[in-house]
Amino acid sequence: MIDMHGNSSGPLGIARLCGIVGVMSVGLFLSVLAHIIAAIAWGTAVAPSSRVPRQGRAVPR
């Protein structure tokens, strides 16, 4: 007769999976933060009250 016991420590590789998900969460957070910073920078650069975008324009309106 074969005596088999179940895995009592949880699914195999769950620790590695948790580590990968943690790294991906940090990457997602940094990506969203970079998009927010880029949107703020773009919004301030195209503001009508700013003189810097008008001075750097190659073709006048």
Protein backbone atom coordinates (compact mmCIF):
# COMPACT_ATOMS: atom_id res chain seq x y z
CA MET A 1 0.00 0.00 0.00
CA ILE A 2 1.24 3.54 -0.85
CA ASP A 3 1.21 6.12 1.91
CA MET A 4 0.78 9.64 0.44
CA HIS A 5 0.56 12.91 2.31
CA GLY A 6 -0.70 16.22 0.93
CA ASN A 7 1.37 19.35 0.70
CA SER A 8 0.74 21.16 4.00
CA SER A 9 2.86 24.24 3.18
CA GLY A 10 0.63 25.55 0.37
CA PRO A 11 1.06 25.51 -3.41
CA LEU A 12 4.55 25.07 -4.76
CA GLY A 13 6.19 28.29 -5.89
CA ILE A 14 3.78 30.56 -4.01
CA ALA A 15 6.66 32.48 -2.41
CA ARG A 16 8.25 33.17 -5.79
CA LEU A 17 4.86 34.19 -7.21
CA CYS A 18 4.33 36.64 -4.34
CA GLY A 19 7.76 38.12 -5.00
CA ILE A 20 7.02 38.56 -8.72
CA VAL A 21 3.64 40.16 -8.00
CA GLY A 22 5.30 42.52 -5.52
CA VAL A 23 7.89 43.63 -8.08
CA MET A 24 5.20 44.07 -10.74
CA SER A 25 3.11 46.18 -8.34
CA VAL A 26 6.06 48.48 -7.71
CA GLY A 27 6.67 48.73 -11.46
CA LEU A 28 3.02 49.57 -12.10
CA PHE A 29 3.06 52.25 -9.40
CA LEU A 30 6.22 53.84 -10.82
CA SER A 31 4.77 53.74 -14.33
CA VAL A 32 1.58 55.52 -13.24
CA LEU A 33 3.64 58.06 -11.30
CA ALA A 34 5.78 58.75 -14.38
CA HIS A 35 2.65 59.29 -16.49
CA ILE A 36 1.28 61.74 -13.94
CA ILE A 37 4.55 63.68 -13.87
CA ALA A 38 4.69 63.71 -17.67
CA ALA A 39 1.09 64.97 -17.86
CA ILE A 40 1.85 67.77 -15.42
CA ALA A 41 4.98 68.73 -17.36
CA TRP A 42 3.08 68.68 -20.67
CA GLY A 43 0.20 70.67 -19.19
CA THR A 44 2.48 73.40 -17.89
CA ALA A 45 4.42 73.52 -21.16
CA VAL A 46 1.32 74.13 -23.31
CA ALA A 47 -0.30 76.60 -20.93
CA PRO A 48 -1.26 79.79 -22.80
CA SER A 49 0.29 82.03 -20.15
CA SER A 50 3.71 80.43 -20.55
CA ARG A 51 6.14 82.23 -22.86
CA VAL A 52 8.59 79.33 -23.18
CA PRO A 53 6.57 77.22 -25.69
CA ARG A 54 5.91 80.27 -27.87
CA GLN A 55 9.59 81.20 -27.98
CA GLY A 56 10.63 77.69 -29.03
CA ARG A 57 8.09 77.38 -31.83
CA ALA A 58 9.74 76.78 -35.23
CA VAL A 59 6.76 77.86 -37.37
CA PRO A 60 4.91 81.04 -36.36
CA ARG A 61 1.14 80.98 -36.23
